[in-house]
Full PDB file with SEQRES, HELIX, SHEET, SSBOND, CRYST1, ORIGX, SCALE, CONECT and MASTER records, all heavy atoms in Angstrom:
SEQRES   1 A   34  THR ARG PHE LEU GLN ASP LYS LEU SER ARG GLU GLU GLN          
SEQRES   2 A   34  SER SER MET CYS GLY LEU HIS LYS VAL LEU THR ALA TRP          
SEQRES   3 A   34  ARG LEU ALA GLN ARG LYS THR LYS                              
HELIX    1 AA1 ARG A    2  THR A   33  1                                  32    
CRYST1    1.000    1.000    1.000  90.00  90.00  90.00 P 1           1          
ORIGX1      1.000000  0.000000  0.000000        0.00000                         
ORIGX2      0.000000  1.000000  0.000000        0.00000                         
ORIGX3      0.000000  0.000000  1.000000        0.00000                         
SCALE1      1.000000  0.000000  0.000000        0.00000                         
SCALE2      0.000000  1.000000  0.000000        0.00000                         
SCALE3      0.000000  0.000000  1.000000        0.00000                         
ATOM      1  N   THR A   1     -11.867  -3.620  21.363  1.00  0.00           N  
ATOM      2  CA  THR A   1     -12.479  -3.219  20.082  1.00  0.00           C  
ATOM      3  C   THR A   1     -11.757  -1.995  19.525  1.00  0.00           C  
ATOM      4  O   THR A   1     -11.421  -1.937  18.334  1.00  0.00           O  
ATOM      5  CB  THR A   1     -13.983  -2.915  20.280  1.00  0.00           C  
ATOM      6  OG1 THR A   1     -14.623  -4.067  20.821  1.00  0.00           O  
ATOM      7  CG2 THR A   1     -14.636  -2.533  18.983  1.00  0.00           C  
ATOM      8  N   ARG A   2     -11.517  -0.989  20.398  1.00  0.00           N  
ATOM      9  CA  ARG A   2     -10.808   0.208  19.968  1.00  0.00           C  
ATOM     10  C   ARG A   2      -9.404  -0.140  19.492  1.00  0.00           C  
ATOM     11  O   ARG A   2      -8.935   0.350  18.466  1.00  0.00           O  
ATOM     12  CB  ARG A   2     -10.749   1.211  21.127  1.00  0.00           C  
ATOM     13  CG  ARG A   2     -10.692   2.643  20.639  1.00  0.00           C  
ATOM     14  CD  ARG A   2     -10.812   3.682  21.740  1.00  0.00           C  
ATOM     15  NE  ARG A   2     -11.940   3.468  22.628  1.00  0.00           N  
ATOM     16  CZ  ARG A   2     -11.826   3.349  23.952  1.00  0.00           C  
ATOM     17  NH1 ARG A   2     -10.640   3.406  24.535  1.00  0.00           N  
ATOM     18  NH2 ARG A   2     -12.871   3.163  24.701  1.00  0.00           N  
ATOM     19  N   PHE A   3      -8.734  -1.018  20.232  1.00  0.00           N  
ATOM     20  CA  PHE A   3      -7.385  -1.450  19.854  1.00  0.00           C  
ATOM     21  C   PHE A   3      -7.414  -2.134  18.493  1.00  0.00           C  
ATOM     22  O   PHE A   3      -6.598  -1.847  17.614  1.00  0.00           O  
ATOM     23  CB  PHE A   3      -6.819  -2.389  20.921  1.00  0.00           C  
ATOM     24  CG  PHE A   3      -5.521  -3.031  20.522  1.00  0.00           C  
ATOM     25  CD1 PHE A   3      -4.337  -2.311  20.535  1.00  0.00           C  
ATOM     26  CD2 PHE A   3      -5.475  -4.362  20.094  1.00  0.00           C  
ATOM     27  CE1 PHE A   3      -3.144  -2.898  20.150  1.00  0.00           C  
ATOM     28  CE2 PHE A   3      -4.288  -4.946  19.702  1.00  0.00           C  
ATOM     29  CZ  PHE A   3      -3.119  -4.220  19.739  1.00  0.00           C  
ATOM     30  N   LEU A   4      -8.407  -3.031  18.312  1.00  0.00           N  
ATOM     31  CA  LEU A   4      -8.499  -3.743  17.032  1.00  0.00           C  
ATOM     32  C   LEU A   4      -8.868  -2.789  15.887  1.00  0.00           C  
ATOM     33  O   LEU A   4      -8.351  -2.920  14.779  1.00  0.00           O  
ATOM     34  CB  LEU A   4      -9.518  -4.894  17.127  1.00  0.00           C  
ATOM     35  CG  LEU A   4      -9.075  -6.085  17.976  1.00  0.00           C  
ATOM     36  CD1 LEU A   4     -10.205  -7.094  18.108  1.00  0.00           C  
ATOM     37  CD2 LEU A   4      -7.848  -6.741  17.387  1.00  0.00           C  
ATOM     38  N   GLN A   5      -9.752  -1.806  16.183  1.00  0.00           N  
ATOM     39  CA  GLN A   5     -10.095  -0.821  15.153  1.00  0.00           C  
ATOM     40  C   GLN A   5      -8.880   0.018  14.790  1.00  0.00           C  
ATOM     41  O   GLN A   5      -8.623   0.283  13.605  1.00  0.00           O  
ATOM     42  CB  GLN A   5     -11.251   0.076  15.627  1.00  0.00           C  
ATOM     43  CG  GLN A   5     -12.595  -0.621  15.597  1.00  0.00           C  
ATOM     44  CD  GLN A   5     -13.710   0.251  16.171  1.00  0.00           C  
ATOM     45  OE1 GLN A   5     -13.445   1.231  16.870  1.00  0.00           O  
ATOM     46  NE2 GLN A   5     -14.946  -0.129  15.871  1.00  0.00           N  
ATOM     47  N   ASP A   6      -8.139   0.442  15.818  1.00  0.00           N  
ATOM     48  CA  ASP A   6      -6.905   1.203  15.547  1.00  0.00           C  
ATOM     49  C   ASP A   6      -5.920   0.369  14.747  1.00  0.00           C  
ATOM     50  O   ASP A   6      -5.305   0.845  13.788  1.00  0.00           O  
ATOM     51  CB  ASP A   6      -6.258   1.663  16.865  1.00  0.00           C  
ATOM     52  CG  ASP A   6      -7.035   2.773  17.532  1.00  0.00           C  
ATOM     53  OD1 ASP A   6      -7.899   3.365  16.854  1.00  0.00           O  
ATOM     54  OD2 ASP A   6      -6.779   3.034  18.732  1.00  0.00           O  
ATOM     55  N   LYS A   7      -5.794  -0.899  15.157  1.00  0.00           N  
ATOM     56  CA  LYS A   7      -4.877  -1.797  14.451  1.00  0.00           C  
ATOM     57  C   LYS A   7      -5.342  -1.998  13.006  1.00  0.00           C  
ATOM     58  O   LYS A   7      -4.536  -1.964  12.070  1.00  0.00           O  
ATOM     59  CB  LYS A   7      -4.787  -3.135  15.177  1.00  0.00           C  
ATOM     60  CG  LYS A   7      -3.740  -4.057  14.595  1.00  0.00           C  
ATOM     61  CD  LYS A   7      -3.532  -5.288  15.442  1.00  0.00           C  
ATOM     62  CE  LYS A   7      -2.449  -6.139  14.811  1.00  0.00           C  
ATOM     63  NZ  LYS A   7      -2.122  -7.291  15.574  1.00  0.00           N  
ATOM     64  N   LEU A   8      -6.675  -2.186  12.827  1.00  0.00           N  
ATOM     65  CA  LEU A   8      -7.236  -2.342  11.482  1.00  0.00           C  
ATOM     66  C   LEU A   8      -6.982  -1.090  10.651  1.00  0.00           C  
ATOM     67  O   LEU A   8      -6.582  -1.178   9.488  1.00  0.00           O  
ATOM     68  CB  LEU A   8      -8.737  -2.649  11.572  1.00  0.00           C  
ATOM     69  CG  LEU A   8      -9.464  -2.812  10.240  1.00  0.00           C  
ATOM     70  CD1 LEU A   8      -8.918  -4.026   9.487  1.00  0.00           C  
ATOM     71  CD2 LEU A   8     -10.960  -2.937  10.463  1.00  0.00           C  
ATOM     72  N   SER A   9      -7.192   0.084  11.273  1.00  0.00           N  
ATOM     73  CA  SER A   9      -6.950   1.344  10.571  1.00  0.00           C  
ATOM     74  C   SER A   9      -5.487   1.464  10.170  1.00  0.00           C  
ATOM     75  O   SER A   9      -5.167   1.835   9.034  1.00  0.00           O  
ATOM     76  CB  SER A   9      -7.361   2.510  11.470  1.00  0.00           C  
ATOM     77  OG  SER A   9      -7.059   3.727  10.856  1.00  0.00           O  
ATOM     78  N   ARG A  10      -4.564   1.136  11.113  1.00  0.00           N  
ATOM     79  CA  ARG A  10      -3.130   1.181  10.785  1.00  0.00           C  
ATOM     80  C   ARG A  10      -2.789   0.182   9.679  1.00  0.00           C  
ATOM     81  O   ARG A  10      -2.007   0.479   8.786  1.00  0.00           O  
ATOM     82  CB  ARG A  10      -2.299   0.910  12.044  1.00  0.00           C  
ATOM     83  CG  ARG A  10      -2.198   2.095  12.969  1.00  0.00           C  
ATOM     84  CD  ARG A  10      -1.124   1.898  14.035  1.00  0.00           C  
ATOM     85  NE  ARG A  10      -1.264   0.661  14.795  1.00  0.00           N  
ATOM     86  CZ  ARG A  10      -1.974   0.519  15.900  1.00  0.00           C  
ATOM     87  NH1 ARG A  10      -2.621   1.544  16.401  1.00  0.00           N  
ATOM     88  NH2 ARG A  10      -2.038  -0.639  16.517  1.00  0.00           N  
ATOM     89  N   GLU A  11      -3.396  -1.010   9.767  1.00  0.00           N  
ATOM     90  CA  GLU A  11      -3.155  -2.032   8.737  1.00  0.00           C  
ATOM     91  C   GLU A  11      -3.667  -1.556   7.374  1.00  0.00           C  
ATOM     92  O   GLU A  11      -3.016  -1.759   6.349  1.00  0.00           O  
ATOM     93  CB  GLU A  11      -3.822  -3.357   9.119  1.00  0.00           C  
ATOM     94  CG  GLU A  11      -3.102  -4.131  10.195  1.00  0.00           C  
ATOM     95  CD  GLU A  11      -1.729  -4.595   9.756  1.00  0.00           C  
ATOM     96  OE1 GLU A  11      -1.559  -4.975   8.576  1.00  0.00           O  
ATOM     97  OE2 GLU A  11      -0.800  -4.544  10.586  1.00  0.00           O  
ATOM     98  N   GLU A  12      -4.863  -0.901   7.390  1.00  0.00           N  
ATOM     99  CA  GLU A  12      -5.400  -0.383   6.125  1.00  0.00           C  
ATOM    100  C   GLU A  12      -4.480   0.698   5.562  1.00  0.00           C  
ATOM    101  O   GLU A  12      -4.193   0.715   4.366  1.00  0.00           O  
ATOM    102  CB  GLU A  12      -6.809   0.172   6.334  1.00  0.00           C  
ATOM    103  CG  GLU A  12      -7.869  -0.901   6.485  1.00  0.00           C  
ATOM    104  CD  GLU A  12      -9.258  -0.313   6.775  1.00  0.00           C  
ATOM    105  OE1 GLU A  12      -9.345   0.904   7.074  1.00  0.00           O  
ATOM    106  OE2 GLU A  12     -10.228  -1.067   6.703  1.00  0.00           O  
ATOM    107  N   GLN A  13      -4.011   1.592   6.446  1.00  0.00           N  
ATOM    108  CA  GLN A  13      -3.087   2.632   5.985  1.00  0.00           C  
ATOM    109  C   GLN A  13      -1.792   2.017   5.470  1.00  0.00           C  
ATOM    110  O   GLN A  13      -1.273   2.410   4.427  1.00  0.00           O  
ATOM    111  CB  GLN A  13      -2.791   3.622   7.118  1.00  0.00           C  
ATOM    112  CG  GLN A  13      -3.943   4.545   7.429  1.00  0.00           C  
ATOM    113  CD  GLN A  13      -3.644   5.454   8.605  1.00  0.00           C  
ATOM    114  OE1 GLN A  13      -2.626   5.306   9.294  1.00  0.00           O  
ATOM    115  NE2 GLN A  13      -4.540   6.406   8.847  1.00  0.00           N  
ATOM    116  N   SER A  14      -1.298   1.029   6.233  1.00  0.00           N  
ATOM    117  CA  SER A  14      -0.071   0.353   5.816  1.00  0.00           C  
ATOM    118  C   SER A  14      -0.302  -0.374   4.495  1.00  0.00           C  
ATOM    119  O   SER A  14       0.553  -0.360   3.595  1.00  0.00           O  
ATOM    120  CB  SER A  14       0.360  -0.632   6.903  1.00  0.00           C  
ATOM    121  OG  SER A  14       1.485  -1.355   6.482  1.00  0.00           O  
ATOM    122  N   SER A  15      -1.479  -1.015   4.389  1.00  0.00           N  
ATOM    123  CA  SER A  15      -1.823  -1.727   3.163  1.00  0.00           C  
ATOM    124  C   SER A  15      -1.912  -0.760   1.981  1.00  0.00           C  
ATOM    125  O   SER A  15      -1.406  -1.028   0.893  1.00  0.00           O  
ATOM    126  CB  SER A  15      -3.147  -2.467   3.351  1.00  0.00           C  
ATOM    127  OG  SER A  15      -3.560  -3.044   2.140  1.00  0.00           O  
ATOM    128  N   MET A  16      -2.555   0.415   2.209  1.00  0.00           N  
ATOM    129  CA  MET A  16      -2.659   1.429   1.144  1.00  0.00           C  
ATOM    130  C   MET A  16      -1.277   1.936   0.748  1.00  0.00           C  
ATOM    131  O   MET A  16      -0.976   2.102  -0.421  1.00  0.00           O  
ATOM    132  CB  MET A  16      -3.539   2.603   1.606  1.00  0.00           C  
ATOM    133  CG  MET A  16      -5.006   2.253   1.739  1.00  0.00           C  
ATOM    134  SD  MET A  16      -5.734   1.756   0.170  1.00  0.00           S  
ATOM    135  CE  MET A  16      -5.867   3.326  -0.625  1.00  0.00           C  
ATOM    136  N   CYS A  17      -0.435   2.162   1.766  1.00  0.00           N  
ATOM    137  CA  CYS A  17       0.932   2.617   1.495  1.00  0.00           C  
ATOM    138  C   CYS A  17       1.691   1.551   0.712  1.00  0.00           C  
ATOM    139  O   CYS A  17       2.377   1.848  -0.267  1.00  0.00           O  
ATOM    140  CB  CYS A  17       1.637   2.942   2.808  1.00  0.00           C  
ATOM    141  SG  CYS A  17       3.290   3.638   2.589  1.00  0.00           S  
ATOM    142  N   GLY A  18       1.557   0.287   1.138  1.00  0.00           N  
ATOM    143  CA  GLY A  18       2.219  -0.818   0.441  1.00  0.00           C  
ATOM    144  C   GLY A  18       1.693  -0.962  -0.974  1.00  0.00           C  
ATOM    145  O   GLY A  18       2.458  -1.163  -1.924  1.00  0.00           O  
ATOM    146  N   LEU A  19       0.360  -0.821  -1.123  1.00  0.00           N  
ATOM    147  CA  LEU A  19      -0.244  -0.904  -2.458  1.00  0.00           C  
ATOM    148  C   LEU A  19       0.272   0.224  -3.341  1.00  0.00           C  
ATOM    149  O   LEU A  19       0.604   0.010  -4.515  1.00  0.00           O  
ATOM    150  CB  LEU A  19      -1.765  -0.845  -2.350  1.00  0.00           C  
ATOM    151  CG  LEU A  19      -2.538  -0.927  -3.654  1.00  0.00           C  
ATOM    152  CD1 LEU A  19      -2.275  -2.256  -4.352  1.00  0.00           C  
ATOM    153  CD2 LEU A  19      -4.031  -0.733  -3.408  1.00  0.00           C  
ATOM    154  N   HIS A  20       0.372   1.427  -2.750  1.00  0.00           N  
ATOM    155  CA  HIS A  20       0.902   2.567  -3.499  1.00  0.00           C  
ATOM    156  C   HIS A  20       2.347   2.296  -3.935  1.00  0.00           C  
ATOM    157  O   HIS A  20       2.719   2.564  -5.078  1.00  0.00           O  
ATOM    158  CB  HIS A  20       0.832   3.832  -2.640  1.00  0.00           C  
ATOM    159  CG  HIS A  20       1.361   5.047  -3.321  1.00  0.00           C  
ATOM    160  ND1 HIS A  20       0.731   5.633  -4.386  1.00  0.00           N  
ATOM    161  CD2 HIS A  20       2.497   5.766  -3.097  1.00  0.00           C  
ATOM    162  CE1 HIS A  20       1.445   6.673  -4.796  1.00  0.00           C  
ATOM    163  NE2 HIS A  20       2.518   6.773  -4.025  1.00  0.00           N  
ATOM    164  N   LYS A  21       3.157   1.738  -3.013  1.00  0.00           N  
ATOM    165  CA  LYS A  21       4.549   1.415  -3.363  1.00  0.00           C  
ATOM    166  C   LYS A  21       4.604   0.358  -4.456  1.00  0.00           C  
ATOM    167  O   LYS A  21       5.408   0.462  -5.391  1.00  0.00           O  
ATOM    168  CB  LYS A  21       5.305   0.917  -2.123  1.00  0.00           C  
ATOM    169  CG  LYS A  21       5.640   2.009  -1.142  1.00  0.00           C  
ATOM    170  CD  LYS A  21       6.366   1.444   0.065  1.00  0.00           C  
ATOM    171  CE  LYS A  21       6.673   2.526   1.087  1.00  0.00           C  
ATOM    172  NZ  LYS A  21       7.325   1.988   2.277  1.00  0.00           N  
ATOM    173  N   VAL A  22       3.743  -0.655  -4.333  1.00  0.00           N  
ATOM    174  CA  VAL A  22       3.717  -1.720  -5.348  1.00  0.00           C  
ATOM    175  C   VAL A  22       3.295  -1.143  -6.701  1.00  0.00           C  
ATOM    176  O   VAL A  22       3.901  -1.434  -7.735  1.00  0.00           O  
ATOM    177  CB  VAL A  22       2.774  -2.866  -4.908  1.00  0.00           C  
ATOM    178  CG1 VAL A  22       2.476  -3.803  -6.066  1.00  0.00           C  
ATOM    179  CG2 VAL A  22       3.378  -3.636  -3.749  1.00  0.00           C  
ATOM    180  N   LEU A  23       2.243  -0.292  -6.691  1.00  0.00           N  
ATOM    181  CA  LEU A  23       1.789   0.321  -7.953  1.00  0.00           C  
ATOM    182  C   LEU A  23       2.863   1.219  -8.544  1.00  0.00           C  
ATOM    183  O   LEU A  23       3.079   1.228  -9.758  1.00  0.00           O  
ATOM    184  CB  LEU A  23       0.503   1.127  -7.709  1.00  0.00           C  
ATOM    185  CG  LEU A  23      -0.771   0.310  -7.526  1.00  0.00           C  
ATOM    186  CD1 LEU A  23      -1.946   1.214  -7.176  1.00  0.00           C  
ATOM    187  CD2 LEU A  23      -1.084  -0.501  -8.773  1.00  0.00           C  
ATOM    188  N   THR A  24       3.551   1.959  -7.670  1.00  0.00           N  
ATOM    189  CA  THR A  24       4.638   2.821  -8.161  1.00  0.00           C  
ATOM    190  C   THR A  24       5.751   1.975  -8.784  1.00  0.00           C  
ATOM    191  O   THR A  24       6.241   2.298  -9.878  1.00  0.00           O  
ATOM    192  CB  THR A  24       5.197   3.671  -7.002  1.00  0.00           C  
ATOM    193  OG1 THR A  24       4.136   4.436  -6.441  1.00  0.00           O  
ATOM    194  CG2 THR A  24       6.287   4.597  -7.483  1.00  0.00           C  
ATOM    195  N   ALA A  25       6.118   0.892  -8.117  1.00  0.00           N  
ATOM    196  CA  ALA A  25       7.159   0.005  -8.663  1.00  0.00           C  
ATOM    197  C   ALA A  25       6.694  -0.632  -9.963  1.00  0.00           C  
ATOM    198  O   ALA A  25       7.469  -0.746 -10.928  1.00  0.00           O  
ATOM    199  CB  ALA A  25       7.512  -1.075  -7.633  1.00  0.00           C  
ATOM    200  N   TRP A  26       5.419  -1.034 -10.020  1.00  0.00           N  
ATOM    201  CA  TRP A  26       4.867  -1.647 -11.231  1.00  0.00           C  
ATOM    202  C   TRP A  26       4.865  -0.646 -12.390  1.00  0.00           C  
ATOM    203  O   TRP A  26       5.251  -0.968 -13.506  1.00  0.00           O  
ATOM    204  CB  TRP A  26       3.444  -2.150 -10.943  1.00  0.00           C  
ATOM    205  CG  TRP A  26       2.744  -2.680 -12.145  1.00  0.00           C  
ATOM    206  CD1 TRP A  26       1.678  -2.129 -12.778  1.00  0.00           C  
ATOM    207  CD2 TRP A  26       3.054  -3.867 -12.886  1.00  0.00           C  
ATOM    208  NE1 TRP A  26       1.299  -2.883 -13.851  1.00  0.00           N  
ATOM    209  CE2 TRP A  26       2.136  -3.969 -13.936  1.00  0.00           C  
ATOM    210  CE3 TRP A  26       4.028  -4.840 -12.753  1.00  0.00           C  
ATOM    211  CZ2 TRP A  26       2.151  -5.006 -14.846  1.00  0.00           C  
ATOM    212  CZ3 TRP A  26       4.041  -5.877 -13.670  1.00  0.00           C  
ATOM    213  CH2 TRP A  26       3.118  -5.948 -14.694  1.00  0.00           C  
ATOM    214  N   ARG A  27       4.442   0.586 -12.088  1.00  0.00           N  
ATOM    215  CA  ARG A  27       4.439   1.615 -13.139  1.00  0.00           C  
ATOM    216  C   ARG A  27       5.856   1.906 -13.610  1.00  0.00           C  
ATOM    217  O   ARG A  27       6.090   2.105 -14.804  1.00  0.00           O  
ATOM    218  CB  ARG A  27       3.774   2.882 -12.615  1.00  0.00           C  
ATOM    219  CG  ARG A  27       2.277   2.748 -12.495  1.00  0.00           C  
ATOM    220  CD  ARG A  27       1.632   4.045 -12.073  1.00  0.00           C  
ATOM    221  NE  ARG A  27       0.216   3.849 -11.843  1.00  0.00           N  
ATOM    222  CZ  ARG A  27      -0.444   4.316 -10.809  1.00  0.00           C  
ATOM    223  NH1 ARG A  27       0.183   5.033  -9.904  1.00  0.00           N  
ATOM    224  NH2 ARG A  27      -1.735   4.087 -10.677  1.00  0.00           N  
ATOM    225  N   LEU A  28       6.784   1.939 -12.665  1.00  0.00           N  
ATOM    226  CA  LEU A  28       8.188   2.173 -13.028  1.00  0.00           C  
ATOM    227  C   LEU A  28       8.700   1.052 -13.935  1.00  0.00           C  
ATOM    228  O   LEU A  28       9.355   1.317 -14.956  1.00  0.00           O  
ATOM    229  CB  LEU A  28       9.040   2.282 -11.762  1.00  0.00           C  
ATOM    230  CG  LEU A  28      10.516   2.614 -11.972  1.00  0.00           C  
ATOM    231  CD1 LEU A  28      10.654   3.990 -12.600  1.00  0.00           C  
ATOM    232  CD2 LEU A  28      11.264   2.552 -10.667  1.00  0.00           C  
ATOM    233  N   ALA A  29       8.354  -0.182 -13.585  1.00  0.00           N  
ATOM    234  CA  ALA A  29       8.764  -1.327 -14.427  1.00  0.00           C  
ATOM    235  C   ALA A  29       8.115  -1.232 -15.799  1.00  0.00           C  
ATOM    236  O   ALA A  29       8.773  -1.471 -16.823  1.00  0.00           O  
ATOM    237  CB  ALA A  29       8.387  -2.641 -13.738  1.00  0.00           C  
ATOM    238  N   GLN A  30       6.827  -0.867 -15.814  1.00  0.00           N  
ATOM    239  CA  GLN A  30       6.152  -0.723 -17.116  1.00  0.00           C  
ATOM    240  C   GLN A  30       6.770   0.397 -17.936  1.00  0.00           C  
ATOM    241  O   GLN A  30       6.932   0.269 -19.146  1.00  0.00           O  
ATOM    242  CB  GLN A  30       4.653  -0.445 -16.906  1.00  0.00           C  
ATOM    243  CG  GLN A  30       3.860  -1.667 -16.511  1.00  0.00           C  
ATOM    244  CD  GLN A  30       2.373  -1.352 -16.389  1.00  0.00           C  
ATOM    245  OE1 GLN A  30       1.976  -0.289 -15.943  1.00  0.00           O  
ATOM    246  NE2 GLN A  30       1.555  -2.302 -16.794  1.00  0.00           N  
ATOM    247  N   ARG A  31       7.107   1.520 -17.270  1.00  0.00           N  
ATOM    248  CA  ARG A  31       7.739   2.632 -17.986  1.00  0.00           C  
ATOM    249  C   ARG A  31       9.088   2.213 -18.573  1.00  0.00           C  
ATOM    250  O   ARG A  31       9.420   2.575 -19.696  1.00  0.00           O  
ATOM    251  CB  ARG A  31       7.928   3.814 -17.043  1.00  0.00           C  
ATOM    252  CG  ARG A  31       6.668   4.594 -16.810  1.00  0.00           C  
ATOM    253  CD  ARG A  31       6.938   5.885 -16.047  1.00  0.00           C  
ATOM    254  NE  ARG A  31       5.684   6.432 -15.587  1.00  0.00           N  
ATOM    255  CZ  ARG A  31       5.383   6.653 -14.321  1.00  0.00           C  
ATOM    256  NH1 ARG A  31       6.265   6.403 -13.379  1.00  0.00           N  
ATOM    257  NH2 ARG A  31       4.218   7.149 -13.984  1.00  0.00           N  
ATOM    258  N   LYS A  32       9.855   1.465 -17.770  1.00  0.00           N  
ATOM    259  CA  LYS A  32      11.157   0.992 -18.281  1.00  0.00           C  
ATOM    260  C   LYS A  32      10.965   0.113 -19.503  1.00  0.00           C  
ATOM    261  O   LYS A  32      11.655   0.259 -20.514  1.00  0.00           O  
ATOM    262  CB  LYS A  32      11.902   0.212 -17.189  1.00  0.00           C  
ATOM    263  CG  LYS A  32      12.671   1.052 -16.235  1.00  0.00           C  
ATOM    264  CD  LYS A  32      13.468   0.164 -15.292  1.00  0.00           C  
ATOM    265  CE  LYS A  32      14.295   0.985 -14.325  1.00  0.00           C  
ATOM    266  NZ  LYS A  32      15.034   0.143 -13.384  1.00  0.00           N  
ATOM    267  N   THR A  33      10.001  -0.814 -19.404  1.00  0.00           N  
ATOM    268  CA  THR A  33       9.731  -1.709 -20.536  1.00  0.00           C  
ATOM    269  C   THR A  33       9.289  -0.913 -21.752  1.00  0.00           C  
ATOM    270  O   THR A  33       9.777  -1.121 -22.868  1.00  0.00           O  
ATOM    271  CB  THR A  33       8.644  -2.735 -20.144  1.00  0.00           C  
ATOM    272  OG1 THR A  33       9.069  -3.449 -18.993  1.00  0.00           O  
ATOM    273  CG2 THR A  33       8.378  -3.704 -21.274  1.00  0.00           C  
ATOM    274  N   LYS A  34       8.356   0.029 -21.530  1.00  0.00           N  
ATOM    275  CA  LYS A  34       7.858   0.852 -22.641  1.00  0.00           C  
ATOM    276  C   LYS A  34       8.980   1.706 -23.212  1.00  0.00           C  
ATOM    277  O   LYS A  34       9.085   1.878 -24.437  1.00  0.00           O  
ATOM    278  CB  LYS A  34       6.707   1.734 -22.144  1.00  0.00           C  
ATOM    279  CG  LYS A  34       5.940   2.396 -23.238  1.00  0.00           C  
ATOM    280  CD  LYS A  34       5.227   1.376 -24.072  1.00  0.00           C  
ATOM    281  CE  LYS A  34       4.320   2.026 -25.081  1.00  0.00           C  
ATOM    282  NZ  LYS A  34       3.701   1.068 -25.962  1.00  0.00           N  
TER     283      LYS A  34                                                      
MASTER        0    0    0    1    0    0    0    6  282    1    0    3          
END                                                                             
C-alpha cells in the first residue's frame, strides 16, 4: 500500500509536471500564433 501510495504520489507529481510542460508548450504556441 505504501509503495502504491508513493508510486501514485510520484505519478501525480509527474503528471502535474507533464501537465505544466504541456500547458507551457500550449501557451507558447498560442503566444506565437497571437
